[in-house]
Every structure is written in structure tokens, then in C-alpha cells.
Amino acid sequence: MPKIYTDEFKQSALELLDDGMTQKQVCADLGISKSALQAWVRDSRLREHGLEPSRDVESHAPRRQR
């Protein structure tokens, strides 16, 4: 089960990146996975362009062939 992080925590991580820390440093300092941080960065960029990130897990899962 994935960990749930607050919006404030995610914003703090993004601010550390904006301040010049590398993704590797932020992940190590905050104890988060690189994939989680990359998803937060992607979601932040989408919002900057006026788009709302999808929360539909099915849309991100690979489709199975029958």
C-alpha cells in the first residue's frame, strides 16, 4: 500500500528542488522514492499549465491482453 503524503509535504519537496537540490538529495533527505518525487514534479508542471493531473489508477496501468 503506498504511503500518503500531505500536499504541504509534497510542496516542501518541490521547493527544495527549486532551491537547487537534486532529486537524489531530496529523496534521501525526506525518505521518499524517486518515482513519488517525479510524479509530484509532473503533477506540478501540469498544474502550471492549467491542467489537472489524472487520479484514475486504471488510466496509468498497462492494459492486459486476453
Protein backbone atom coordinates (compact mmCIF):
# COMPACT_ATOMS: atom_id res chain seq x y z
CA MET A 1 0.00 0.00 0.00
CA PRO A 2 1.50 3.35 -0.99
CA LYS A 3 2.26 5.99 1.58
CA ILE A 4 0.02 9.04 1.65
CA TYR A 5 1.81 12.39 1.83
CA THR A 6 0.18 15.72 2.59
CA ASP A 7 0.05 18.45 -0.03
CA GLU A 8 2.25 20.56 2.27
CA PHE A 9 4.90 17.83 2.39
CA LYS A 10 4.85 17.50 -1.41
CA GLN A 11 5.14 21.27 -1.81
CA SER A 12 8.13 21.32 0.57
CA ALA A 13 9.86 18.68 -1.54
CA LEU A 14 9.22 20.69 -4.71
CA GLU A 15 10.56 23.84 -3.05
CA LEU A 16 13.78 22.00 -2.18
CA LEU A 17 14.18 21.20 -5.88
CA ASP A 18 13.51 24.83 -6.77
CA ASP A 19 16.21 25.83 -4.27
CA GLY A 20 18.75 23.78 -6.20
CA MET A 21 18.80 20.38 -4.52
CA THR A 22 18.95 17.34 -6.77
CA GLN A 23 16.14 14.81 -6.86
CA LYS A 24 18.53 12.28 -5.33
CA GLN A 25 19.28 14.61 -2.40
CA VAL A 26 15.61 15.41 -1.79
CA CYS A 27 14.68 11.73 -1.82
CA ALA A 28 17.44 10.85 0.62
CA ASP A 29 16.72 13.76 2.96
CA LEU A 30 12.95 13.20 3.05
CA GLY A 31 12.94 9.41 2.79
CA ILE A 32 10.79 9.27 -0.32
CA SER A 33 11.08 7.28 -3.51
CA LYS A 34 12.34 8.84 -6.69
CA SER A 35 9.20 7.74 -8.53
CA ALA A 36 6.99 9.55 -5.99
CA LEU A 37 9.02 12.75 -6.33
CA GLN A 38 8.96 12.54 -10.12
CA ALA A 39 5.17 12.15 -10.04
CA TRP A 40 4.87 15.27 -7.85
CA VAL A 41 7.09 17.20 -10.27
CA ARG A 42 4.98 16.02 -13.23
CA ASP A 43 1.73 16.94 -11.45
CA SER A 44 3.12 20.37 -10.53
CA ARG A 45 4.09 21.06 -14.14
CA LEU A 46 0.65 20.03 -15.37
CA ARG A 47 -0.98 22.41 -12.88
CA GLU A 48 1.32 25.22 -14.05
CA HIS A 49 -0.24 24.77 -17.49
CA GLY A 50 -3.78 24.77 -16.17
CA LEU A 51 -4.27 21.00 -16.33
CA GLU A 52 -5.42 18.75 -13.52
CA PRO A 53 -3.42 15.51 -13.15
CA SER A 54 -5.41 12.30 -13.53
CA ARG A 55 -6.05 10.28 -10.39
CA ASP A 56 -7.51 7.36 -12.31
CA VAL A 57 -5.23 4.43 -11.49
CA GLU A 58 -6.65 2.42 -14.37
CA SER A 59 -5.50 5.02 -16.91
CA HIS A 60 -1.88 4.54 -15.80
CA ALA A 61 -1.91 0.75 -15.60
CA PRO A 62 -0.75 -1.27 -18.58
CA ARG A 63 -3.61 -2.98 -20.38
CA ARG A 64 -3.72 -6.75 -20.30
CA GLN A 65 -4.27 -8.67 -23.44
CA ARG A 66 -6.66 -11.59 -23.31
